[in-house]
Amino acid sequence: FTTASDLKYLNKVKSFLYEQWENPTEDFIKYIVGAIYDGMKTKN
């Protein structure tokens, strides 16, 4: 029980990162682009 919390969120983070690695979501792309690109964040 004391380790279940860490395991739960560890697996959630790993699952999220794996999903973004395979097929990054629009929100995730926006977040990365917003951190590295100063121009307009258009759809293109």
All heavy atoms as atom14 arrays in JSON, in Angstrom:
{
  "sequence": "FTTASDLKYLNKVKSFLYEQWENPTEDFIKYIVGAIYDGMKTKN",
  "atom14_mask": [
    [1, 1, 1, 1, 1, 1, 1, 1, 1, 1, 1, 0, 0, 0],
    [1, 1, 1, 1, 1, 1, 1, 0, 0, 0, 0, 0, 0, 0],
    [1, 1, 1, 1, 1, 1, 1, 0, 0, 0, 0, 0, 0, 0],
    [1, 1, 1, 1, 1, 0, 0, 0, 0, 0, 0, 0, 0, 0],
    [1, 1, 1, 1, 1, 1, 0, 0, 0, 0, 0, 0, 0, 0],
    [1, 1, 1, 1, 1, 1, 1, 1, 0, 0, 0, 0, 0, 0],
    [1, 1, 1, 1, 1, 1, 1, 1, 0, 0, 0, 0, 0, 0],
    [1, 1, 1, 1, 1, 1, 1, 1, 1, 0, 0, 0, 0, 0],
    [1, 1, 1, 1, 1, 1, 1, 1, 1, 1, 1, 1, 0, 0],
    [1, 1, 1, 1, 1, 1, 1, 1, 0, 0, 0, 0, 0, 0],
    [1, 1, 1, 1, 1, 1, 1, 1, 0, 0, 0, 0, 0, 0],
    [1, 1, 1, 1, 1, 1, 1, 1, 1, 0, 0, 0, 0, 0],
    [1, 1, 1, 1, 1, 1, 1, 0, 0, 0, 0, 0, 0, 0],
    [1, 1, 1, 1, 1, 1, 1, 1, 1, 0, 0, 0, 0, 0],
    [1, 1, 1, 1, 1, 1, 0, 0, 0, 0, 0, 0, 0, 0],
    [1, 1, 1, 1, 1, 1, 1, 1, 1, 1, 1, 0, 0, 0],
    [1, 1, 1, 1, 1, 1, 1, 1, 0, 0, 0, 0, 0, 0],
    [1, 1, 1, 1, 1, 1, 1, 1, 1, 1, 1, 1, 0, 0],
    [1, 1, 1, 1, 1, 1, 1, 1, 1, 0, 0, 0, 0, 0],
    [1, 1, 1, 1, 1, 1, 1, 1, 1, 0, 0, 0, 0, 0],
    [1, 1, 1, 1, 1, 1, 1, 1, 1, 1, 1, 1, 1, 1],
    [1, 1, 1, 1, 1, 1, 1, 1, 1, 0, 0, 0, 0, 0],
    [1, 1, 1, 1, 1, 1, 1, 1, 0, 0, 0, 0, 0, 0],
    [1, 1, 1, 1, 1, 1, 1, 0, 0, 0, 0, 0, 0, 0],
    [1, 1, 1, 1, 1, 1, 1, 0, 0, 0, 0, 0, 0, 0],
    [1, 1, 1, 1, 1, 1, 1, 1, 1, 0, 0, 0, 0, 0],
    [1, 1, 1, 1, 1, 1, 1, 1, 0, 0, 0, 0, 0, 0],
    [1, 1, 1, 1, 1, 1, 1, 1, 1, 1, 1, 0, 0, 0],
    [1, 1, 1, 1, 1, 1, 1, 1, 0, 0, 0, 0, 0, 0],
    [1, 1, 1, 1, 1, 1, 1, 1, 1, 0, 0, 0, 0, 0],
    [1, 1, 1, 1, 1, 1, 1, 1, 1, 1, 1, 1, 0, 0],
    [1, 1, 1, 1, 1, 1, 1, 1, 0, 0, 0, 0, 0, 0],
    [1, 1, 1, 1, 1, 1, 1, 0, 0, 0, 0, 0, 0, 0],
    [1, 1, 1, 1, 0, 0, 0, 0, 0, 0, 0, 0, 0, 0],
    [1, 1, 1, 1, 1, 0, 0, 0, 0, 0, 0, 0, 0, 0],
    [1, 1, 1, 1, 1, 1, 1, 1, 0, 0, 0, 0, 0, 0],
    [1, 1, 1, 1, 1, 1, 1, 1, 1, 1, 1, 1, 0, 0],
    [1, 1, 1, 1, 1, 1, 1, 1, 0, 0, 0, 0, 0, 0],
    [1, 1, 1, 1, 0, 0, 0, 0, 0, 0, 0, 0, 0, 0],
    [1, 1, 1, 1, 1, 1, 1, 1, 0, 0, 0, 0, 0, 0],
    [1, 1, 1, 1, 1, 1, 1, 1, 1, 0, 0, 0, 0, 0],
    [1, 1, 1, 1, 1, 1, 1, 0, 0, 0, 0, 0, 0, 0],
    [1, 1, 1, 1, 1, 1, 1, 1, 1, 0, 0, 0, 0, 0],
    [1, 1, 1, 1, 1, 1, 1, 1, 0, 0, 0, 0, 0, 0]
  ],
  "atom14_positions": [
    [[0.82, -1.21, 0.0], [0.0, 0.0, 0.0], [0.86, 1.27, 0.0], [0.55, 2.24, -0.68], [-0.93, 0.01, 1.21], [-1.93, 1.14, 1.2], [-3.03, 1.1, 0.36], [-1.75, 2.25, 2.01], [-3.95, 2.14, 0.33], [-2.65, 3.29, 1.99], [-3.76, 3.24, 1.15], [0.0, 0.0, 0.0], [0.0, 0.0, 0.0], [0.0, 0.0, 0.0]],
    [[1.96, 1.23, 0.74], [2.81, 2.42, 0.81], [3.55, 2.68, -0.5], [3.94, 3.81, -0.79], [3.84, 2.3, 1.95], [4.59, 1.09, 1.77], [3.17, 2.29, 3.3], [0.0, 0.0, 0.0], [0.0, 0.0, 0.0], [0.0, 0.0, 0.0], [0.0, 0.0, 0.0], [0.0, 0.0, 0.0], [0.0, 0.0, 0.0], [0.0, 0.0, 0.0]],
    [[3.75, 1.64, -1.3], [4.44, 1.83, -2.58], [3.46, 1.98, -3.75], [3.88, 2.32, -4.86], [5.38, 0.64, -2.88], [4.61, -0.56, -2.95], [6.45, 0.52, -1.81], [0.0, 0.0, 0.0], [0.0, 0.0, 0.0], [0.0, 0.0, 0.0], [0.0, 0.0, 0.0], [0.0, 0.0, 0.0], [0.0, 0.0, 0.0], [0.0, 0.0, 0.0]],
    [[2.18, 1.75, -3.49], [1.2, 1.79, -4.58], [1.09, 3.17, -5.21], [0.93, 3.3, -6.42], [-0.18, 1.34, -4.07], [0.0, 0.0, 0.0], [0.0, 0.0, 0.0], [0.0, 0.0, 0.0], [0.0, 0.0, 0.0], [0.0, 0.0, 0.0], [0.0, 0.0, 0.0], [0.0, 0.0, 0.0], [0.0, 0.0, 0.0], [0.0, 0.0, 0.0]],
    [[1.18, 4.21, -4.4], [1.06, 5.57, -4.91], [2.17, 5.89, -5.9], [1.92, 6.37, -7.01], [1.08, 6.57, -3.76], [1.0, 7.9, -4.26], [0.0, 0.0, 0.0], [0.0, 0.0, 0.0], [0.0, 0.0, 0.0], [0.0, 0.0, 0.0], [0.0, 0.0, 0.0], [0.0, 0.0, 0.0], [0.0, 0.0, 0.0], [0.0, 0.0, 0.0]],
    [[3.4, 5.59, -5.52], [4.53, 5.84, -6.42], [4.38, 5.04, -7.7], [4.63, 5.55, -8.8], [5.85, 5.47, -5.74], [6.22, 6.44, -4.64], [5.61, 7.53, -4.59], [7.12, 6.12, -3.84], [0.0, 0.0, 0.0], [0.0, 0.0, 0.0], [0.0, 0.0, 0.0], [0.0, 0.0, 0.0], [0.0, 0.0, 0.0], [0.0, 0.0, 0.0]],
    [[3.97, 3.78, -7.56], [3.84, 2.92, -8.72], [2.75, 3.44, -9.65], [2.91, 3.44, -10.88], [3.51, 1.5, -8.26], [3.49, 0.41, -9.34], [4.84, 0.31, -10.01], [3.1, -0.92, -8.72], [0.0, 0.0, 0.0], [0.0, 0.0, 0.0], [0.0, 0.0, 0.0], [0.0, 0.0, 0.0], [0.0, 0.0, 0.0], [0.0, 0.0, 0.0]],
    [[1.65, 3.9, -9.07], [0.53, 4.4, -9.87], [0.97, 5.57, -10.74], [0.73, 5.58, -11.96], [-0.61, 4.82, -8.95], [-1.77, 5.49, -9.67], [-2.87, 5.91, -8.69], [-4.01, 6.62, -9.4], [-5.1, 6.99, -8.47], [0.0, 0.0, 0.0], [0.0, 0.0, 0.0], [0.0, 0.0, 0.0], [0.0, 0.0, 0.0], [0.0, 0.0, 0.0]],
    [[1.6, 6.56, -10.13], [1.95, 7.76, -10.88], [3.19, 7.56, -11.74], [3.33, 8.19, -12.79], [2.11, 8.94, -9.92], [0.78, 9.31, -9.3], [0.52, 9.06, -7.96], [-0.24, 9.86, -10.07], [-0.72, 9.36, -7.41], [-1.47, 10.16, -9.53], [-1.71, 9.91, -8.2], [-2.94, 10.2, -7.66], [0.0, 0.0, 0.0], [0.0, 0.0, 0.0]],
    [[4.06, 6.66, -11.34], [5.19, 6.3, -12.19], [4.69, 5.7, -13.51], [5.13, 6.09, -14.6], [6.1, 5.3, -11.47], [7.25, 4.71, -12.29], [8.27, 5.79, -12.63], [7.92, 3.57, -11.54], [0.0, 0.0, 0.0], [0.0, 0.0, 0.0], [0.0, 0.0, 0.0], [0.0, 0.0, 0.0], [0.0, 0.0, 0.0], [0.0, 0.0, 0.0]],
    [[3.74, 4.79, -13.4], [3.2, 4.16, -14.61], [2.42, 5.16, -15.46], [2.44, 5.08, -16.69], [2.3, 2.98, -14.22], [3.08, 1.8, -13.71], [4.23, 1.59, -14.11], [2.51, 1.03, -12.81], [0.0, 0.0, 0.0], [0.0, 0.0, 0.0], [0.0, 0.0, 0.0], [0.0, 0.0, 0.0], [0.0, 0.0, 0.0], [0.0, 0.0, 0.0]],
    [[1.73, 6.1, -14.8], [1.0, 7.12, -15.55], [1.95, 8.01, -16.34], [1.68, 8.33, -17.51], [0.16, 7.98, -14.6], [-1.16, 7.35, -14.2], [-2.04, 8.38, -13.5], [-3.46, 7.84, -13.32], [-4.37, 8.88, -12.78], [0.0, 0.0, 0.0], [0.0, 0.0, 0.0], [0.0, 0.0, 0.0], [0.0, 0.0, 0.0], [0.0, 0.0, 0.0]],
    [[3.03, 8.42, -15.71], [4.01, 9.27, -16.39], [4.65, 8.52, -17.56], [4.79, 9.05, -18.67], [5.09, 9.76, -15.41], [6.23, 10.46, -16.16], [4.49, 10.72, -14.39], [0.0, 0.0, 0.0], [0.0, 0.0, 0.0], [0.0, 0.0, 0.0], [0.0, 0.0, 0.0], [0.0, 0.0, 0.0], [0.0, 0.0, 0.0], [0.0, 0.0, 0.0]],
    [[5.04, 7.26, -17.32], [5.65, 6.46, -18.38], [4.69, 6.27, -19.55], [5.07, 6.36, -20.72], [6.08, 5.1, -17.82], [7.33, 5.18, -16.95], [7.53, 3.92, -16.14], [7.69, 2.68, -17.0], [7.91, 1.48, -16.17], [0.0, 0.0, 0.0], [0.0, 0.0, 0.0], [0.0, 0.0, 0.0], [0.0, 0.0, 0.0], [0.0, 0.0, 0.0]],
    [[3.43, 5.99, -19.22], [2.43, 5.79, -20.26], [2.23, 7.08, -21.06], [2.14, 7.05, -22.3], [1.11, 5.34, -19.63], [0.1, 5.21, -20.59], [0.0, 0.0, 0.0], [0.0, 0.0, 0.0], [0.0, 0.0, 0.0], [0.0, 0.0, 0.0], [0.0, 0.0, 0.0], [0.0, 0.0, 0.0], [0.0, 0.0, 0.0], [0.0, 0.0, 0.0]],
    [[2.17, 8.2, -20.35], [1.99, 9.49, -21.03], [3.16, 9.79, -21.96], [2.97, 10.18, -23.12], [1.85, 10.6, -19.98], [1.87, 11.99, -20.57], [0.74, 12.51, -21.19], [3.02, 12.77, -20.52], [0.75, 13.78, -21.74], [3.05, 14.04, -21.07], [1.91, 14.55, -21.68], [0.0, 0.0, 0.0], [0.0, 0.0, 0.0], [0.0, 0.0, 0.0]],
    [[4.37, 9.59, -21.46], [5.56, 9.88, -22.28], [5.63, 8.96, -23.5], [6.0, 9.39, -24.59], [6.82, 9.74, -21.43], [7.02, 10.81, -20.35], [8.24, 10.5, -19.51], [7.14, 12.19, -20.98], [0.0, 0.0, 0.0], [0.0, 0.0, 0.0], [0.0, 0.0, 0.0], [0.0, 0.0, 0.0], [0.0, 0.0, 0.0], [0.0, 0.0, 0.0]],
    [[5.26, 7.7, -23.27], [5.28, 6.76, -24.4], [4.27, 7.17, -25.46], [4.56, 7.15, -26.67], [4.98, 5.35, -23.92], [5.0, 4.33, -25.03], [6.21, 3.83, -25.52], [3.82, 3.86, -25.62], [6.24, 2.91, -26.55], [3.84, 2.94, -26.65], [5.07, 2.46, -27.11], [5.08, 1.55, -28.13], [0.0, 0.0, 0.0], [0.0, 0.0, 0.0]],
    [[3.08, 7.57, -25.03], [2.04, 8.01, -25.98], [2.5, 9.24, -26.75], [2.28, 9.35, -27.97], [0.74, 8.3, -25.24], [0.04, 7.05, -24.71], [-1.12, 7.38, -23.8], [-1.41, 8.59, -23.65], [-1.73, 6.46, -23.24], [0.0, 0.0, 0.0], [0.0, 0.0, 0.0], [0.0, 0.0, 0.0], [0.0, 0.0, 0.0], [0.0, 0.0, 0.0]],
    [[3.14, 10.18, -26.05], [3.6, 11.4, -26.72], [4.76, 11.1, -27.67], [4.91, 11.76, -28.7], [4.03, 12.45, -25.69], [2.94, 12.86, -24.73], [1.65, 13.26, -25.44], [1.68, 13.97, -26.45], [0.52, 12.8, -24.94], [0.0, 0.0, 0.0], [0.0, 0.0, 0.0], [0.0, 0.0, 0.0], [0.0, 0.0, 0.0], [0.0, 0.0, 0.0]],
    [[5.54, 10.11, -27.31], [6.65, 9.7, -28.18], [6.11, 9.11, -29.49], [6.56, 9.43, -30.58], [7.51, 8.68, -27.44], [8.72, 8.21, -28.21], [9.24, 8.74, -29.36], [9.57, 7.12, -27.85], [10.36, 8.05, -29.75], [10.58, 7.04, -28.84], [9.58, 6.2, -26.81], [11.59, 6.07, -28.79], [10.59, 5.25, -26.77], [11.57, 5.19, -27.76]],
    [[5.1, 8.28, -29.36], [4.54, 7.62, -30.54], [3.65, 8.57, -31.34], [3.79, 8.68, -32.57], [3.72, 6.39, -30.11], [4.56, 5.25, -29.57], [5.39, 4.6, -30.65], [4.86, 4.3, -31.73], [6.61, 4.42, -30.42], [0.0, 0.0, 0.0], [0.0, 0.0, 0.0], [0.0, 0.0, 0.0], [0.0, 0.0, 0.0], [0.0, 0.0, 0.0]],
    [[2.74, 9.24, -30.64], [1.79, 10.14, -31.31], [1.53, 11.36, -30.44], [0.59, 11.38, -29.64], [0.46, 9.41, -31.58], [0.61, 8.28, -32.57], [0.92, 8.5, -33.73], [0.4, 7.06, -32.09], [0.0, 0.0, 0.0], [0.0, 0.0, 0.0], [0.0, 0.0, 0.0], [0.0, 0.0, 0.0], [0.0, 0.0, 0.0], [0.0, 0.0, 0.0]],
    [[2.39, 12.37, -30.54], [2.21, 13.55, -29.69], [0.88, 14.25, -29.94], [0.46, 14.42, -31.08], [3.4, 14.45, -30.09], [3.84, 13.95, -31.43], [3.53, 12.49, -31.45], [0.0, 0.0, 0.0], [0.0, 0.0, 0.0], [0.0, 0.0, 0.0], [0.0, 0.0, 0.0], [0.0, 0.0, 0.0], [0.0, 0.0, 0.0], [0.0, 0.0, 0.0]],
    [[0.21, 14.62, -28.87], [-1.07, 15.32, -28.99], [-0.84, 16.78, -29.38], [0.27, 17.31, -29.24], [-1.84, 15.28, -27.66], [-1.07, 15.96, -26.66], [-2.1, 13.85, -27.22], [0.0, 0.0, 0.0], [0.0, 0.0, 0.0], [0.0, 0.0, 0.0], [0.0, 0.0, 0.0], [0.0, 0.0, 0.0], [0.0, 0.0, 0.0], [0.0, 0.0, 0.0]],
    [[-1.91, 17.42, -29.81], [-1.8, 18.83, -30.21], [-1.38, 19.69, -29.02], [-0.56, 20.61, -29.17], [-3.14, 19.32, -30.78], [-3.09, 20.75, -31.31], [-4.4, 21.19, -31.95], [-5.22, 20.29, -32.29], [-4.61, 22.4, -32.08], [0.0, 0.0, 0.0], [0.0, 0.0, 0.0], [0.0, 0.0, 0.0], [0.0, 0.0, 0.0], [0.0, 0.0, 0.0]],
    [[-1.94, 19.42, -27.85], [-1.58, 20.19, -26.65], [-0.1, 20.03, -26.31], [0.57, 20.99, -25.91], [-2.44, 19.77, -25.46], [-3.87, 20.26, -25.57], [-4.1, 21.2, -26.36], [-4.74, 19.7, -24.88], [0.0, 0.0, 0.0], [0.0, 0.0, 0.0], [0.0, 0.0, 0.0], [0.0, 0.0, 0.0], [0.0, 0.0, 0.0], [0.0, 0.0, 0.0]],
    [[0.38, 18.8, -26.45], [1.78, 18.55, -26.14], [2.69, 19.27, -27.15], [3.71, 19.86, -26.77], [2.07, 17.04, -26.16], [3.44, 16.67, -25.7], [3.78, 16.72, -24.36], [4.41, 16.28, -26.61], [5.05, 16.37, -23.92], [5.69, 15.94, -26.19], [6.0, 15.98, -24.83], [0.0, 0.0, 0.0], [0.0, 0.0, 0.0], [0.0, 0.0, 0.0]],
    [[2.31, 19.22, -28.42], [3.09, 19.92, -29.45], [3.09, 21.41, -29.18], [4.12, 22.08, -29.28], [2.53, 19.6, -30.84], [2.74, 18.12, -31.19], [3.2, 20.48, -31.91], [2.02, 17.68, -32.44], [0.0, 0.0, 0.0], [0.0, 0.0, 0.0], [0.0, 0.0, 0.0], [0.0, 0.0, 0.0], [0.0, 0.0, 0.0], [0.0, 0.0, 0.0]],
    [[1.92, 21.95, -28.8], [1.83, 23.38, -28.49], [2.75, 23.75, -27.33], [3.4, 24.81, -27.34], [0.39, 23.75, -28.12], [-0.55, 23.87, -29.31], [-1.95, 24.26, -28.82], [-2.92, 24.4, -30.0], [-4.29, 24.75, -29.53], [0.0, 0.0, 0.0], [0.0, 0.0, 0.0], [0.0, 0.0, 0.0], [0.0, 0.0, 0.0], [0.0, 0.0, 0.0]],
    [[2.79, 22.87, -26.33], [3.64, 23.14, -25.16], [5.12, 23.19, -25.57], [5.85, 24.12, -25.18], [3.43, 22.06, -24.11], [4.37, 22.17, -22.93], [4.18, 23.13, -21.94], [5.48, 21.32, -22.83], [5.06, 23.25, -20.88], [6.36, 21.44, -21.77], [6.14, 22.4, -20.79], [7.03, 22.52, -19.76], [0.0, 0.0, 0.0], [0.0, 0.0, 0.0]],
    [[5.56, 22.21, -26.36], [6.97, 22.17, -26.79], [7.28, 23.37, -27.68], [8.29, 24.06, -27.49], [7.27, 20.86, -27.53], [7.07, 19.65, -26.61], [8.7, 20.88, -28.09], [8.06, 19.55, -25.48], [0.0, 0.0, 0.0], [0.0, 0.0, 0.0], [0.0, 0.0, 0.0], [0.0, 0.0, 0.0], [0.0, 0.0, 0.0], [0.0, 0.0, 0.0]],
    [[6.41, 23.61, -28.65], [6.64, 24.72, -29.58], [6.67, 26.04, -28.83], [7.49, 26.92, -29.09], [5.56, 24.74, -30.68], [5.69, 26.0, -31.54], [5.67, 23.49, -31.56], [0.0, 0.0, 0.0], [0.0, 0.0, 0.0], [0.0, 0.0, 0.0], [0.0, 0.0, 0.0], [0.0, 0.0, 0.0], [0.0, 0.0, 0.0], [0.0, 0.0, 0.0]],
    [[5.77, 26.2, -27.86], [5.72, 27.43, -27.07], [7.01, 27.68, -26.3], [7.37, 28.83, -26.03], [0.0, 0.0, 0.0], [0.0, 0.0, 0.0], [0.0, 0.0, 0.0], [0.0, 0.0, 0.0], [0.0, 0.0, 0.0], [0.0, 0.0, 0.0], [0.0, 0.0, 0.0], [0.0, 0.0, 0.0], [0.0, 0.0, 0.0], [0.0, 0.0, 0.0]],
    [[7.71, 26.6, -25.94], [8.94, 26.73, -25.16], [10.16, 27.01, -26.02], [11.17, 27.52, -25.52], [9.16, 25.46, -24.34], [0.0, 0.0, 0.0], [0.0, 0.0, 0.0], [0.0, 0.0, 0.0], [0.0, 0.0, 0.0], [0.0, 0.0, 0.0], [0.0, 0.0, 0.0], [0.0, 0.0, 0.0], [0.0, 0.0, 0.0], [0.0, 0.0, 0.0]],
    [[10.09, 26.67, -27.34], [11.29, 26.78, -28.18], [11.14, 27.71, -29.38], [12.11, 28.05, -30.04], [11.72, 25.39, -28.7], [10.63, 24.8, -29.61], [12.02, 24.44, -27.53], [11.03, 23.51, -30.29], [0.0, 0.0, 0.0], [0.0, 0.0, 0.0], [0.0, 0.0, 0.0], [0.0, 0.0, 0.0], [0.0, 0.0, 0.0], [0.0, 0.0, 0.0]],
    [[9.91, 28.14, -29.66], [9.65, 28.91, -30.89], [8.94, 30.2, -30.55], [7.89, 30.19, -29.88], [8.81, 28.06, -31.85], [8.52, 28.7, -33.19], [9.51, 28.89, -34.13], [7.22, 29.11, -33.49], [9.23, 29.48, -35.36], [6.92, 29.69, -34.72], [7.94, 29.87, -35.65], [7.66, 30.45, -36.87], [0.0, 0.0, 0.0], [0.0, 0.0, 0.0]],
    [[9.51, 31.33, -31.01], [8.96, 32.64, -30.66], [7.93, 33.16, -31.66], [7.24, 34.14, -31.39], [10.1, 33.68, -30.55], [11.03, 33.37, -29.39], [10.54, 32.81, -28.38], [12.24, 33.67, -29.49], [0.0, 0.0, 0.0], [0.0, 0.0, 0.0], [0.0, 0.0, 0.0], [0.0, 0.0, 0.0], [0.0, 0.0, 0.0], [0.0, 0.0, 0.0]],
    [[7.84, 32.51, -32.83], [6.91, 32.99, -33.86], [5.47, 32.62, -33.57], [5.13, 32.07, -32.5], [0.0, 0.0, 0.0], [0.0, 0.0, 0.0], [0.0, 0.0, 0.0], [0.0, 0.0, 0.0], [0.0, 0.0, 0.0], [0.0, 0.0, 0.0], [0.0, 0.0, 0.0], [0.0, 0.0, 0.0], [0.0, 0.0, 0.0], [0.0, 0.0, 0.0]],
    [[4.6, 32.91, -34.52], [3.18, 32.59, -34.38], [2.97, 31.08, -34.39], [3.55, 30.37, -35.2], [2.4, 33.23, -35.54], [2.4, 34.76, -35.51], [1.38, 35.4, -34.16], [-0.26, 34.9, -34.7], [0.0, 0.0, 0.0], [0.0, 0.0, 0.0], [0.0, 0.0, 0.0], [0.0, 0.0, 0.0], [0.0, 0.0, 0.0], [0.0, 0.0, 0.0]],
    [[2.14, 30.61, -33.46], [1.85, 29.18, -33.36], [0.61, 28.84, -34.2], [-0.45, 28.52, -33.69], [1.63, 28.75, -31.92], [2.91, 28.63, -31.1], [3.5, 29.97, -30.73], [4.66, 29.84, -29.76], [5.28, 31.15, -29.47], [0.0, 0.0, 0.0], [0.0, 0.0, 0.0], [0.0, 0.0, 0.0], [0.0, 0.0, 0.0], [0.0, 0.0, 0.0]],
    [[0.76, 28.93, -35.51], [-0.35, 28.62, -36.4], [-0.48, 27.11, -36.57], [0.39, 26.34, -36.16], [-0.13, 29.27, -37.78], [1.03, 28.68, -38.38], [0.07, 30.77, -37.65], [0.0, 0.0, 0.0], [0.0, 0.0, 0.0], [0.0, 0.0, 0.0], [0.0, 0.0, 0.0], [0.0, 0.0, 0.0], [0.0, 0.0, 0.0], [0.0, 0.0, 0.0]],
    [[-1.57, 26.69, -37.2], [-1.78, 25.26, -37.45], [-0.66, 24.69, -38.31], [-0.17, 23.58, -38.06], [-3.14, 25.05, -38.13], [-3.49, 23.58, -38.32], [-4.88, 23.43, -38.91], [-5.23, 21.94, -39.08], [-6.58, 21.76, -39.65], [0.0, 0.0, 0.0], [0.0, 0.0, 0.0], [0.0, 0.0, 0.0], [0.0, 0.0, 0.0], [0.0, 0.0, 0.0]],
    [[-0.25, 25.47, -39.32], [0.84, 25.01, -40.19], [2.15, 24.86, -39.41], [2.93, 23.94, -39.66], [1.04, 25.99, -41.35], [-0.08, 25.89, -42.38], [-0.77, 24.87, -42.46], [-0.28, 26.95, -43.15], [0.0, 0.0, 0.0], [0.0, 0.0, 0.0], [0.0, 0.0, 0.0], [0.0, 0.0, 0.0], [0.0, 0.0, 0.0], [0.0, 0.0, 0.0]]
  ]
}
